[in-house]
Amino acid sequence: MAELNIDAYELGGFQTNCYIVSNADTGEAIVIDPSWNAAFIKGRLDERKLKCVGIYLTHGHIDHMAAMDEIRELTGAPTYASEDEEEVLGSSKVNLSAMMTAVFGKVVETKADSYLTEGDVKKILGTEMRCISVPGHTKGGMCYYFDEQHILFSGDTLFKYSVGRSDFPTGDEHALLENIREKLFVLPDDTVVYPGHGDKTQIGKEKKMNPFF
């Protein structure tokens, strides 16, 4: 089984978790949610002599993708998001950048290089990563699950003892809770959850202690 290293950095005005997931044996890495400061992210990759082979978004809100275009240019790595998130990425009103210019200093309308669908499996980092579509926080929310390692990157879908907001454009509270129950709570209890904000948790703990369920 491939051993993965996970480095988490709180970046931007909303302390969004940006993750660098890497395999020291292959020297490859992916970036999940390049929230801010592309130069910082590139610096961390360079320090570890890692080659970025992909940039993955859990969803298209500005605090999760503000540095996407720049880090794509700096690394040459392709960018990925759910196919249902194309509208969110492409609209400054829907991705919230139009209302948060005071924090992020710019309006962003962009697109990913490739779009993902439910059940897609990416063979990366010497292992496999499965794409789990989780509409609710936005209509194109996507979680990334490493089956062998029991590791889940949940974005703003599932937090430690909480869930994501559903009152932003394209959000849906019923869909959010239903998708967490049907798609995330069926994962092994020892699955470690790395969320878009805050501390990591485990699926088993959330099933027992999350007040939304």
Protein backbone atom coordinates (compact mmCIF):
# COMPACT_ATOMS: atom_id res chain seq x y z
CA MET A 1 0.00 0.00 0.00
CA ALA A 2 1.32 3.42 -0.94
CA GLU A 3 2.19 5.62 2.04
CA LEU A 4 0.85 9.13 1.64
CA ASN A 5 2.06 12.28 3.36
CA ILE A 6 -0.55 14.93 4.07
CA ASP A 7 0.45 18.52 4.77
CA ALA A 8 -2.31 20.94 5.72
CA TYR A 9 -2.02 24.72 5.55
CA GLU A 10 -4.61 27.26 6.69
CA LEU A 11 -4.60 29.92 3.99
CA GLY A 12 -6.59 33.02 3.17
CA GLY A 13 -9.00 35.17 5.11
CA PHE A 14 -11.28 32.26 6.00
CA GLN A 15 -8.54 29.90 7.22
CA THR A 16 -9.27 27.40 4.48
CA ASN A 17 -7.40 24.13 4.58
CA CYS A 18 -5.17 23.64 1.55
CA TYR A 19 -3.70 20.14 1.36
CA ILE A 20 -0.57 18.86 -0.31
CA VAL A 21 -0.82 15.08 -0.59
CA SER A 22 2.37 13.37 -1.65
CA ASN A 23 4.16 10.08 -2.11
CA ALA A 24 7.80 10.40 -1.07
CA ASP A 25 8.75 7.29 -3.01
CA THR A 26 7.50 8.63 -6.34
CA GLY A 27 8.11 12.32 -5.63
CA GLU A 28 4.62 13.17 -6.88
CA ALA A 29 2.04 15.34 -5.19
CA ILE A 30 -1.43 16.78 -5.66
CA VAL A 31 -2.82 20.02 -4.28
CA ILE A 32 -6.38 19.99 -2.94
CA ASP A 33 -8.13 23.37 -2.68
CA PRO A 34 -5.44 25.99 -3.45
CA SER A 35 -7.21 28.59 -1.40
CA TRP A 36 -4.67 31.40 -1.42
CA ASN A 37 -1.01 32.33 -1.92
CA ALA A 38 0.19 30.26 -4.86
CA ALA A 39 3.79 31.27 -4.20
CA PHE A 40 3.60 29.76 -0.71
CA ILE A 41 2.13 26.51 -2.06
CA LYS A 42 4.76 26.30 -4.80
CA GLY A 43 7.45 26.95 -2.19
CA ARG A 44 6.28 24.01 -0.09
CA LEU A 45 6.37 21.76 -3.15
CA ASP A 46 9.86 22.94 -4.05
CA GLU A 47 11.17 22.46 -0.51
CA ARG A 48 10.17 18.80 -0.65
CA LYS A 49 11.30 18.41 -4.27
CA LEU A 50 7.79 17.30 -5.20
CA LYS A 51 6.28 17.35 -8.67
CA CYS A 52 2.66 18.51 -8.67
CA VAL A 53 0.66 16.22 -10.96
CA GLY A 54 -2.81 17.58 -10.30
CA ILE A 55 -4.82 20.34 -8.61
CA TYR A 56 -8.20 19.23 -7.28
CA LEU A 57 -11.10 21.36 -6.07
CA THR A 58 -13.71 20.09 -3.63
CA HIS A 59 -15.93 22.94 -4.82
CA GLY A 60 -15.75 26.30 -6.50
CA HIS A 61 -16.11 28.90 -3.76
CA ILE A 62 -13.46 31.61 -3.88
CA ASP A 63 -11.87 30.61 -0.57
CA HIS A 64 -11.07 27.18 -2.01
CA MET A 65 -9.81 28.14 -5.45
CA ALA A 66 -8.49 31.73 -5.33
CA ALA A 67 -4.95 30.53 -6.14
CA MET A 68 -5.94 27.87 -8.68
CA ASP A 69 -5.07 29.72 -11.86
CA GLU A 70 -1.74 30.92 -10.51
CA ILE A 71 -0.62 27.59 -9.08
CA ARG A 72 -1.64 25.93 -12.35
CA GLU A 73 0.65 28.37 -14.18
CA LEU A 74 3.51 27.88 -11.71
CA THR A 75 3.42 24.07 -11.75
CA GLY A 76 1.96 23.21 -15.16
CA ALA A 77 -0.36 20.76 -13.42
CA PRO A 78 -3.91 20.23 -14.70
CA THR A 79 -6.88 21.31 -12.61
CA TYR A 80 -9.94 19.19 -11.78
CA ALA A 81 -13.42 19.81 -10.38
CA SER A 82 -16.85 18.21 -10.56
CA GLU A 83 -18.62 18.66 -13.87
CA ASP A 84 -21.55 20.11 -11.91
CA GLU A 85 -19.35 22.89 -10.55
CA GLU A 86 -18.63 24.53 -13.90
CA GLU A 87 -21.28 27.21 -13.33
CA VAL A 88 -19.94 28.00 -9.85
CA LEU A 89 -16.37 28.43 -11.08
CA GLY A 90 -17.48 30.56 -14.00
CA SER A 91 -19.64 33.05 -12.12
CA SER A 92 -18.20 35.58 -9.66
CA LYS A 93 -21.62 35.90 -8.04
CA VAL A 94 -22.06 32.17 -7.54
CA ASN A 95 -18.49 31.48 -6.41
CA LEU A 96 -18.81 34.42 -3.96
CA SER A 97 -15.75 36.32 -5.19
CA ALA A 98 -17.94 39.28 -6.20
CA MET A 99 -19.08 39.73 -2.59
CA MET A 100 -15.69 39.05 -1.00
CA THR A 101 -13.36 41.40 -2.86
CA ALA A 102 -12.54 43.14 0.43
CA VAL A 103 -11.02 39.87 1.65
CA PHE A 104 -9.53 38.38 -1.51
CA GLY A 105 -8.89 41.55 -3.47
CA LYS A 106 -10.08 40.16 -6.78
CA VAL A 107 -13.03 38.81 -8.70
CA VAL A 108 -12.49 35.34 -10.13
CA GLU A 109 -14.24 33.60 -13.00
CA THR A 110 -12.40 30.52 -14.17
CA LYS A 111 -12.73 26.92 -15.29
CA ALA A 112 -11.01 23.62 -14.65
CA ASP A 113 -9.00 21.75 -17.26
CA SER A 114 -10.98 18.56 -16.70
CA TYR A 115 -14.29 17.79 -15.04
CA LEU A 116 -15.02 14.77 -12.88
CA THR A 117 -18.11 12.65 -12.32
CA GLU A 118 -19.38 10.37 -9.56
CA GLY A 119 -17.28 7.23 -9.25
CA ASP A 120 -14.34 8.41 -11.36
CA VAL A 121 -11.08 6.83 -10.17
CA LYS A 122 -7.79 8.66 -10.60
CA LYS A 123 -4.63 6.55 -10.51
CA ILE A 124 -2.21 8.92 -8.80
CA LEU A 125 0.51 8.93 -6.16
CA GLY A 126 1.05 5.22 -6.55
CA THR A 127 -2.51 4.44 -5.52
CA GLU A 128 -6.13 5.23 -6.47
CA MET A 129 -8.37 8.13 -5.52
CA ARG A 130 -12.13 7.82 -5.95
CA CYS A 131 -14.37 10.81 -6.68
CA ILE A 132 -17.56 11.00 -4.62
CA SER A 133 -20.15 13.53 -5.79
CA VAL A 134 -21.77 15.24 -2.79
CA PRO A 135 -24.15 18.03 -3.85
CA GLY A 136 -25.45 20.21 -1.04
CA HIS A 137 -22.95 22.86 -0.03
CA THR A 138 -22.80 23.63 -3.74
CA LYS A 139 -24.36 21.66 -6.54
CA GLY A 140 -20.99 20.29 -7.63
CA GLY A 141 -19.40 19.41 -4.32
CA MET A 142 -16.85 16.61 -4.68
CA CYS A 143 -15.09 14.53 -2.03
CA TYR A 144 -11.91 12.59 -2.74
CA TYR A 145 -11.42 9.18 -1.14
CA PHE A 146 -8.30 7.04 -1.01
CA ASP A 147 -9.70 3.54 -0.55
CA GLU A 148 -6.50 1.78 0.46
CA GLN A 149 -5.53 4.38 3.05
CA HIS A 150 -9.06 5.17 4.32
CA ILE A 151 -8.52 8.90 3.81
CA LEU A 152 -11.27 11.33 2.75
CA PHE A 153 -10.98 14.98 1.72
CA SER A 154 -14.45 16.37 2.36
CA GLY A 155 -14.20 20.07 1.51
CA ASP A 156 -17.08 22.00 3.07
CA THR A 157 -19.44 19.03 3.02
CA LEU A 158 -18.52 17.44 6.36
CA PHE A 159 -16.67 19.05 9.25
CA LYS A 160 -15.72 17.85 12.70
CA TYR A 161 -19.12 17.63 14.44
CA SER A 162 -20.72 19.87 11.84
CA VAL A 163 -21.67 20.17 8.17
CA GLY A 164 -21.29 22.82 5.50
CA ARG A 165 -23.63 25.71 4.92
CA SER A 166 -26.38 25.27 2.37
CA ASP A 167 -27.64 28.85 2.07
CA PHE A 168 -25.20 29.96 -0.62
CA PRO A 169 -26.14 29.88 -4.34
CA THR A 170 -26.78 26.31 -5.59
CA GLY A 171 -26.84 24.96 -2.00
CA ASP A 172 -29.43 22.44 -0.85
CA GLU A 173 -29.69 21.37 2.80
CA HIS A 174 -31.72 18.22 2.13
CA ALA A 175 -29.26 17.04 -0.52
CA LEU A 176 -26.29 17.83 1.73
CA LEU A 177 -27.52 15.72 4.65
CA GLU A 178 -28.78 12.93 2.42
CA ASN A 179 -25.49 12.69 0.55
CA ILE A 180 -23.46 12.61 3.75
CA ARG A 181 -25.61 9.75 5.06
CA GLU A 182 -25.70 7.76 1.84
CA LYS A 183 -22.21 8.36 0.44
CA LEU A 184 -19.89 9.28 3.31
CA PHE A 185 -21.29 7.46 6.33
CA VAL A 186 -21.01 4.16 4.42
CA LEU A 187 -17.22 4.48 4.40
CA PRO A 188 -15.21 2.57 7.03
CA ASP A 189 -15.52 4.02 10.52
CA ASP A 190 -11.74 4.50 10.75
CA THR A 191 -11.70 6.72 7.65
CA VAL A 192 -9.85 9.92 8.50
CA VAL A 193 -11.70 13.00 7.26
CA TYR A 194 -9.73 16.07 6.22
CA PRO A 195 -12.25 18.94 5.91
CA GLY A 196 -12.11 22.32 4.21
CA HIS A 197 -11.91 24.14 7.54
CA GLY A 198 -10.95 23.08 11.04
CA ASP A 199 -9.56 19.88 12.47
CA LYS A 200 -9.61 16.41 10.99
CA THR A 201 -12.06 13.81 12.28
CA GLN A 202 -13.21 10.23 11.55
CA ILE A 203 -16.33 8.84 9.93
CA GLY A 204 -17.15 6.68 12.96
CA LYS A 205 -17.03 9.69 15.28
CA GLU A 206 -19.27 11.74 13.00
CA LYS A 207 -21.88 8.99 12.80
CA LYS A 208 -22.09 8.92 16.60
CA MET A 209 -21.52 12.55 17.59
CA ASN A 210 -22.41 14.91 14.74
CA PRO A 211 -25.51 16.81 15.94
CA PHE A 212 -26.92 17.11 12.42
CA PHE A 213 -27.66 13.37 12.29
